[in-house]
Protein backbone atom coordinates (compact mmCIF):
# COMPACT_ATOMS: atom_id res chain seq x y z
CA MET A 1 -0.05 -0.02 -0.03
CA ALA A 2 1.27 3.48 -0.81
CA PRO A 3 2.51 5.52 2.15
CA HIS A 4 0.07 7.83 4.05
CA VAL A 5 1.00 11.44 4.81
CA ARG A 6 -0.52 13.26 7.65
CA ILE A 7 -2.28 16.52 6.59
CA GLY A 8 -2.77 19.37 9.02
CA CYS A 9 -6.35 19.72 10.56
CA ARG A 10 -8.69 22.45 9.38
CA MET A 11 -12.17 23.03 10.76
CA SER A 12 -15.05 23.72 8.53
CA ALA A 13 -18.86 23.97 8.69
CA VAL A 14 -20.27 20.62 9.60
CA ARG A 15 -23.21 19.33 7.52
CA GLN A 16 -25.66 17.02 9.27
CA LEU A 17 -27.88 14.51 7.50
CA ASP A 18 -30.18 12.11 9.41
CA VAL A 19 -31.01 8.51 8.82
CA ALA A 20 -34.76 8.39 9.82
CA LEU A 21 -35.46 5.14 11.56
CA GLY A 22 -37.73 6.16 14.42
CA GLN A 23 -36.16 5.43 17.85
CA ARG A 24 -33.05 4.20 15.98
CA SER A 25 -32.46 7.29 13.91
CA TYR A 26 -28.93 8.71 13.91
CA PRO A 27 -26.94 11.63 12.42
CA ILE A 28 -24.35 11.59 9.79
CA TRP A 29 -21.83 14.45 10.26
CA ILE A 30 -19.73 15.66 7.33
CA GLY A 31 -17.04 18.17 7.49
CA ALA A 32 -13.36 18.80 7.35
CA GLY A 33 -11.82 18.38 10.82
CA VAL A 34 -15.01 17.09 12.37
CA LEU A 35 -13.05 14.24 14.09
CA HIS A 36 -11.47 16.94 16.27
CA ASP A 37 -14.92 18.07 17.35
CA ALA A 38 -15.13 15.63 20.24
CA ALA A 39 -17.92 17.53 21.98
CA ARG A 40 -20.15 16.62 19.02
CA TRP A 41 -19.52 12.92 18.60
CA ARG A 42 -18.81 12.09 22.11
CA ALA A 43 -22.34 12.96 22.96
CA ALA A 44 -23.46 9.96 21.07
CA ILE A 45 -21.77 7.66 23.57
CA ARG A 46 -24.08 6.60 26.36
CA GLY A 47 -21.86 4.49 28.65
CA ARG A 48 -18.32 4.64 30.12
CA HIS A 49 -16.76 1.69 28.37
CA VAL A 50 -15.41 2.29 24.89
CA LEU A 51 -13.37 0.11 22.54
CA VAL A 52 -11.82 1.74 19.56
CA VAL A 53 -11.18 -0.84 16.80
CA SER A 54 -8.81 0.30 14.04
CA ASN A 55 -5.92 -1.14 11.86
CA THR A 56 -2.31 -0.68 11.74
CA THR A 57 -2.47 1.75 8.77
CA VAL A 58 -5.11 4.11 10.08
CA ALA A 59 -4.24 4.11 13.76
CA PRO A 60 -0.98 6.05 13.55
CA LEU A 61 -2.80 8.86 11.81
CA TYR A 62 -6.04 9.20 13.78
CA LEU A 63 -6.14 7.09 16.88
CA ASP A 64 -4.65 9.66 19.24
CA THR A 65 -7.26 12.18 18.24
CA VAL A 66 -10.06 9.78 19.01
CA LEU A 67 -8.62 8.66 22.29
CA ALA A 68 -8.08 12.30 23.33
CA GLY A 69 -11.86 12.78 22.79
CA LEU A 70 -12.57 9.86 25.11
CA ASP A 71 -10.63 11.39 28.15
CA GLY A 72 -12.49 10.41 31.40
CA LEU A 73 -14.08 7.30 29.94
CA HIS A 74 -12.84 3.67 30.41
CA SER A 75 -11.44 3.07 26.99
CA ALA A 76 -9.19 0.67 25.23
CA HIS A 77 -8.04 0.12 21.70
CA LEU A 78 -7.49 -2.93 19.44
CA LEU A 79 -5.45 -2.70 16.19
CA LEU A 80 -6.04 -5.22 13.49
CA PRO A 81 -3.94 -5.87 10.24
CA ASP A 82 -5.07 -3.96 7.21
CA GLY A 83 -6.80 -5.62 4.37
CA GLU A 84 -9.98 -7.36 3.21
CA GLN A 85 -8.52 -10.83 3.99
CA HIS A 86 -8.74 -9.97 7.64
CA LYS A 87 -12.48 -9.38 7.69
CA SER A 88 -12.98 -12.68 9.23
CA LEU A 89 -14.66 -14.56 12.11
CA ALA A 90 -11.26 -15.07 13.72
CA ARG A 91 -10.64 -11.32 13.73
CA CYS A 92 -14.08 -10.68 14.95
CA GLY A 93 -13.41 -13.05 17.82
CA GLU A 94 -10.43 -10.77 18.77
CA VAL A 95 -12.78 -7.83 19.01
CA LEU A 96 -15.06 -9.78 21.27
CA GLU A 97 -12.11 -10.92 23.50
CA ALA A 98 -11.12 -7.26 23.76
CA LEU A 99 -14.58 -6.27 24.86
CA ALA A 100 -14.41 -9.06 27.54
CA ALA A 101 -11.06 -7.78 28.75
CA LEU A 102 -12.55 -4.29 28.99
CA LYS A 103 -15.37 -5.73 31.08
CA ALA A 104 -17.80 -4.04 28.68
CA ASN A 105 -21.31 -3.79 29.79
CA ARG A 106 -24.49 -3.50 27.68
CA ASP A 107 -24.11 0.30 27.60
CA ALA A 108 -20.69 0.05 26.16
CA CYS A 109 -19.73 1.45 22.71
CA VAL A 110 -17.42 0.33 20.00
CA ILE A 111 -15.80 2.87 17.75
CA ALA A 112 -14.88 1.70 14.15
CA LEU A 113 -12.04 3.77 13.01
CA GLY A 114 -11.01 2.93 9.57
CA GLY A 115 -12.31 1.76 6.23
CA GLY A 116 -15.18 -0.62 5.32
CA VAL A 117 -13.42 -3.74 6.66
CA ILE A 118 -13.02 -2.18 10.11
CA GLY A 119 -16.63 -0.76 10.06
CA ASP A 120 -18.11 -4.01 8.97
CA LEU A 121 -16.25 -6.10 11.36
CA ALA A 122 -16.29 -3.89 14.43
CA GLY A 123 -20.04 -3.33 13.81
CA PHE A 124 -20.72 -7.10 13.67
CA ALA A 125 -18.84 -7.57 17.01
CA ALA A 126 -20.96 -4.83 18.49
CA ALA A 127 -24.09 -6.58 17.19
CA CYS A 128 -22.91 -9.78 18.83
CA TRP A 129 -21.57 -8.53 22.21
CA MET A 130 -24.41 -9.08 24.78
CA ARG A 131 -26.82 -9.33 21.80
CA GLY A 132 -26.10 -5.79 20.65
CA ILE A 133 -24.32 -2.63 22.03
CA ASP A 134 -23.76 0.79 20.56
CA PHE A 135 -21.20 1.64 17.99
CA LEU A 136 -19.95 4.71 16.12
CA GLN A 137 -18.82 4.64 12.55
CA VAL A 138 -15.77 6.82 11.87
CA PRO A 139 -14.92 5.99 8.23
CA THR A 140 -11.57 7.15 6.87
CA THR A 141 -11.93 5.94 3.33
CA LEU A 142 -14.17 7.48 0.65
CA LEU A 143 -15.79 4.13 0.05
CA ALA A 144 -16.76 3.64 3.66
CA GLN A 145 -17.88 7.21 3.90
CA VAL A 146 -20.37 7.01 1.16
CA ASP A 147 -21.48 3.36 1.46
CA SER A 148 -20.60 0.89 4.21
CA SER A 149 -20.71 3.30 7.15
CA VAL A 150 -24.38 4.16 6.48
CA GLY A 151 -27.16 1.75 6.84
CA GLY A 152 -26.22 -0.71 9.47
CA LYS A 153 -24.97 -3.67 7.40
CA THR A 154 -22.29 -5.48 9.36
CA GLY A 155 -20.46 -8.67 8.83
CA VAL A 156 -17.46 -10.75 7.81
CA ASN A 157 -16.37 -12.81 4.92
CA LEU A 158 -15.90 -16.59 4.50
CA PRO A 159 -13.74 -18.32 2.00
CA ALA A 160 -16.94 -19.21 0.07
CA GLY A 161 -17.86 -15.57 -0.36
CA LYS A 162 -18.18 -12.00 0.85
CA ASN A 163 -20.30 -10.82 3.81
CA LEU A 164 -21.99 -14.33 4.19
CA VAL A 165 -22.06 -13.81 7.94
CA GLY A 166 -23.49 -10.60 9.36
CA ALA A 167 -26.32 -8.70 10.95
CA PHE A 168 -28.24 -5.44 10.51
CA HIS A 169 -27.02 -3.21 13.35
CA GLN A 170 -27.46 0.55 13.04
CA PRO A 171 -24.65 2.84 14.40
CA ARG A 172 -25.32 5.61 16.86
CA ALA A 173 -23.74 8.08 14.56
CA VAL A 174 -21.49 8.38 11.55
CA VAL A 175 -18.57 10.79 11.77
CA ILE A 176 -17.18 11.67 8.34
CA ASP A 177 -14.08 13.78 8.44
CA THR A 178 -13.27 14.68 4.97
CA ASP A 179 -9.71 15.63 5.95
CA THR A 180 -8.98 11.81 6.36
CA LEU A 181 -9.19 11.53 2.48
CA ASN A 182 -6.07 13.52 2.27
CA THR A 183 -4.03 10.65 3.59
CA LEU A 184 -5.83 7.99 1.39
CA PRO A 185 -3.67 6.31 -1.34
CA GLU A 186 -4.79 6.91 -4.80
CA ARG A 187 -6.18 3.42 -5.49
CA GLU A 188 -8.25 3.51 -2.32
CA TYR A 189 -9.52 6.89 -3.10
CA GLY A 190 -10.58 5.82 -6.63
CA SER A 191 -12.21 2.66 -5.13
CA GLY A 192 -14.59 4.95 -3.25
CA LEU A 193 -15.57 6.95 -6.36
CA ALA A 194 -17.06 3.73 -7.83
CA GLU A 195 -19.70 3.78 -5.06
CA VAL A 196 -20.30 7.52 -5.72
CA VAL A 197 -20.80 6.75 -9.42
CA LYS A 198 -23.31 4.01 -8.33
CA TYR A 199 -25.68 6.44 -6.75
CA GLY A 200 -26.16 8.44 -9.89
CA ALA A 201 -26.33 5.30 -12.06
CA ILE A 202 -29.05 3.63 -10.08
CA GLY A 203 -31.40 6.46 -9.17
CA ASP A 204 -30.31 9.91 -9.91
CA ALA A 205 -29.52 10.81 -13.54
CA ALA A 206 -28.95 14.50 -12.63
CA PHE A 207 -26.31 13.55 -10.06
CA PHE A 208 -24.69 11.30 -12.69
CA ALA A 209 -24.58 14.36 -15.07
CA TRP A 210 -23.07 16.39 -12.24
CA LEU A 211 -20.38 13.68 -11.77
CA GLU A 212 -19.58 13.90 -15.44
CA ALA A 213 -19.14 17.64 -15.20
CA HIS A 214 -16.94 17.32 -12.10
CA ALA A 215 -14.92 14.19 -12.96
CA GLU A 216 -11.64 15.96 -13.00
CA ALA A 217 -12.27 17.90 -9.72
CA LEU A 218 -13.20 14.73 -8.05
CA SER A 219 -10.08 12.90 -9.22
CA ALA A 220 -7.97 15.87 -8.06
CA ARG A 221 -9.72 15.67 -4.58
CA ASP A 222 -11.10 19.21 -4.82
CA GLY A 223 -12.48 19.80 -1.35
CA ALA A 224 -15.78 21.36 -2.35
CA ALA A 225 -16.51 18.76 -5.05
CA VAL A 226 -15.64 15.86 -2.78
CA ALA A 227 -17.75 17.25 0.07
CA GLU A 228 -20.69 17.64 -2.22
CA ALA A 229 -20.35 14.18 -3.70
CA ILE A 230 -20.13 12.57 -0.20
CA ALA A 231 -23.19 14.56 0.98
CA ARG A 232 -25.25 13.68 -2.03
CA SER A 233 -24.28 10.06 -1.85
CA CYS A 234 -25.06 9.83 1.88
CA LEU A 235 -28.40 11.62 1.34
CA HIS A 236 -29.44 9.10 -1.27
CA LYS A 237 -28.45 6.18 0.78
CA ALA A 238 -30.05 7.57 3.99
CA GLY A 239 -33.36 7.90 2.15
CA VAL A 240 -33.17 4.35 0.81
CA VAL A 241 -32.30 2.86 4.22
CA ALA A 242 -35.19 4.84 5.86
CA ARG A 243 -37.63 3.28 3.46
CA ASP A 244 -36.17 -0.18 3.36
CA GLU A 245 -33.83 -0.89 6.26
CA ARG A 246 -33.52 -4.70 5.81
CA GLU A 247 -33.27 -5.00 2.02
CA ASP A 248 -36.75 -6.25 1.44
CA GLY A 249 -37.06 -4.20 -1.91
CA GLU A 250 -35.60 -0.91 -2.94
CA ARG A 251 -32.43 -1.24 -0.82
CA ALA A 252 -31.28 -4.20 -3.02
CA LEU A 253 -30.78 -1.62 -5.85
CA LEU A 254 -27.80 -0.33 -3.91
CA ASN A 255 -26.07 -3.58 -4.93
CA PHE A 256 -25.93 -2.50 -8.53
CA GLY A 257 -22.73 -4.29 -9.87
CA HIS A 258 -22.16 -6.08 -6.65
CA THR A 259 -23.23 -9.56 -7.52
CA PHE A 260 -20.55 -9.53 -10.37
CA GLY A 261 -18.09 -7.60 -8.10
CA HIS A 262 -18.32 -9.85 -5.19
CA ALA A 263 -17.70 -12.92 -7.36
CA LEU A 264 -14.70 -11.20 -8.90
CA GLU A 265 -13.35 -10.41 -5.38
CA THR A 266 -13.84 -13.98 -4.32
CA ALA A 267 -12.27 -15.56 -7.32
CA SER A 268 -9.25 -13.29 -7.34
CA GLY A 269 -8.55 -13.60 -3.62
CA TYR A 270 -9.58 -10.95 -1.13
CA GLY A 271 -7.26 -7.95 -1.62
CA GLN A 272 -6.22 -8.44 -5.21
CA LEU A 273 -9.05 -6.23 -6.49
CA LEU A 274 -10.24 -3.52 -4.26
CA HIS A 275 -13.92 -3.55 -3.50
CA GLY A 276 -14.63 -0.37 -5.54
CA GLU A 277 -12.61 -1.64 -8.40
CA ALA A 278 -14.58 -4.91 -8.54
CA VAL A 279 -17.92 -2.87 -8.26
CA ALA A 280 -16.82 -0.66 -11.19
CA ILE A 281 -16.27 -3.64 -13.32
CA GLY A 282 -19.53 -5.24 -12.15
CA MET A 283 -21.57 -2.12 -12.74
CA LEU A 284 -20.36 -2.02 -16.36
CA LEU A 285 -21.10 -5.75 -16.74
CA ALA A 286 -24.62 -5.19 -15.38
CA ALA A 287 -25.16 -2.25 -17.73
CA ARG A 288 -23.88 -4.17 -20.77
CA LEU A 289 -26.01 -7.24 -19.79
CA SER A 290 -29.07 -4.92 -19.66
CA ALA A 291 -28.30 -3.86 -23.04
CA ASP A 292 -27.83 -7.49 -24.23
CA LEU A 293 -31.28 -8.24 -22.96
CA GLY A 294 -32.83 -5.23 -24.62
CA ARG A 295 -33.62 -3.56 -21.30
CA ALA A 296 -31.48 -0.48 -21.75
CA PRO A 297 -29.80 1.70 -24.31
CA ALA A 298 -26.20 0.59 -25.04
CA ALA A 299 -25.44 4.30 -25.09
CA ASP A 300 -25.93 4.60 -21.42
CA ALA A 301 -23.50 1.85 -20.75
CA ASP A 302 -21.03 3.76 -22.88
CA ARG A 303 -21.55 6.91 -20.76
CA LEU A 304 -20.96 4.69 -17.55
CA GLU A 305 -17.80 3.27 -19.04
CA GLN A 306 -16.42 6.79 -20.03
CA LEU A 307 -17.09 8.23 -16.50
CA LEU A 308 -15.42 5.13 -14.83
CA ARG A 309 -12.41 5.64 -17.06
CA ARG A 310 -12.19 9.36 -16.34
CA VAL A 311 -12.03 8.82 -12.62
CA GLY A 312 -9.42 6.08 -13.06
CA LEU A 313 -11.43 2.91 -12.37
CA PRO A 314 -10.97 -0.43 -14.19
CA VAL A 315 -13.67 -1.40 -16.67
CA ALA A 316 -12.45 -4.85 -17.84
CA LEU A 317 -12.27 -8.28 -16.22
CA PRO A 318 -8.89 -9.10 -14.79
CA PRO A 319 -6.81 -11.19 -17.08
CA GLY A 320 -7.45 -14.91 -16.80
CA SER A 321 -10.99 -14.42 -15.50
CA ASP A 322 -13.13 -17.56 -16.09
CA ALA A 323 -16.84 -17.15 -16.79
CA GLU A 324 -17.47 -20.76 -15.65
CA ALA A 325 -15.68 -20.13 -12.39
CA LEU A 326 -17.43 -16.79 -11.65
CA LEU A 327 -21.03 -18.01 -12.38
CA PRO A 328 -21.21 -20.36 -9.37
CA LEU A 329 -19.91 -17.63 -7.08
CA MET A 330 -22.66 -15.33 -8.17
CA TYR A 331 -25.15 -17.94 -6.92
CA LEU A 332 -23.97 -17.28 -3.44
CA ASP A 333 -25.11 -13.71 -3.51
CA LYS A 334 -27.43 -12.84 -0.68
CA LYS A 335 -29.92 -11.23 -2.89
CA ASN A 336 -30.80 -14.69 -4.51
CA LEU A 337 -33.93 -16.52 -3.49
CA SER A 338 -34.81 -20.25 -3.84
CA GLY A 339 -31.62 -20.92 -5.73
CA GLN A 340 -32.44 -18.36 -8.46
CA LEU A 341 -30.29 -15.33 -9.42
CA ARG A 342 -31.70 -11.96 -8.89
CA LEU A 343 -29.54 -9.35 -10.54
CA ILE A 344 -29.64 -5.66 -10.26
CA LEU A 345 -29.79 -4.30 -13.80
CA TRP A 346 -31.11 -1.11 -15.18
CA ARG A 347 -33.32 0.46 -17.85
CA GLY A 348 -30.81 3.22 -18.38
CA LEU A 349 -29.12 5.86 -16.23
CA GLY A 350 -30.99 6.49 -12.98
CA ALA A 351 -33.41 3.56 -13.46
CA ALA A 352 -32.07 0.42 -11.65
CA GLU A 353 -34.33 -2.61 -11.14
CA ILE A 354 -34.34 -6.08 -9.72
CA VAL A 355 -34.40 -8.78 -12.44
CA PRO A 356 -35.04 -12.33 -11.48
CA ASP A 357 -34.31 -15.34 -13.59
CA VAL A 358 -31.75 -13.98 -15.98
CA ALA A 359 -30.63 -17.06 -18.03
CA ASP A 360 -27.18 -18.39 -17.22
CA ARG A 361 -26.25 -18.36 -20.94
CA ALA A 362 -26.73 -14.54 -21.08
CA ILE A 363 -24.59 -14.07 -18.04
CA ARG A 364 -21.91 -16.42 -19.41
CA HIS A 365 -21.91 -14.57 -22.61
CA ARG A 366 -21.43 -11.21 -20.92
CA LEU A 367 -18.59 -12.51 -18.75
CA ARG A 368 -16.84 -13.87 -21.81
CA GLU A 369 -17.30 -10.64 -23.55
CA GLY A 370 -16.17 -8.60 -20.56
């Protein structure tokens, strides 16, 4: 992984969005330097026991800031290795053992400080400890900020597939400090842009057009453009989660490209393709498959490909990819019912849909074509 560089803190106006889930509603705070605003996020902690879970890449940059904000509480921290391959039941067990060592009660809180791996894993441990304790999401990658930190999906991987073990467990708050993106390696930052593009692709053609107009600014990490992209992405996801918390319908659309992408991640070995890179390839496969089936204009798939290329994301299957090996992995996707594939396809930009019973031959053809 490329080296991280610490950038000086600056405070800016904080934007608050809310995920409306009745008594389990929670805020999303977005702003440069918000991690240093401990008075804001500490108010979301209800008990005196706090475990901060991070990894060996993120902790040297931001752990001290978080621990300083916990002064006076009974806190501890656990650092895990960095990488998707560590999002496992074994590592989750380490978090649970750390909670036991802390003598954490039911009013304890876990703070997930890191990217999507840490957020998913620490959130799952929080869901398991004493049948569910509070946790805060403090995402430090663009992908986690716009996707995995919002909505309460937690879990770990198995060798058979991604996120096969998990729980819905909503955080108490999401703290998005946009300054953390200044230390993010280029590939990791680009991986997050895939999920940003997804929001325009599945339900907001106007946002997609905005992304086309600001592609260079986003690639250059222009602060205003990045903050706007994060806010619009989180607003979209918060609305979907409020309407369909447990993915009984609309929320499944957020998985556009993910059935292909998760299969690619599993087949290539976790960590070879970053999640956003796999999703980018998967989105284009879904768009091209939609055109193959006569459900969407091929020109819209072309626009998607052009935008993904402009923000530096891959659009082709990795060399050596085998359609026959990928298809069985797609059948392990959690959206499937009664052994039947349910793919998220589209009718064009901004119009994603759930499509059951797509013929295997059509999927194999698209995987062969790339």
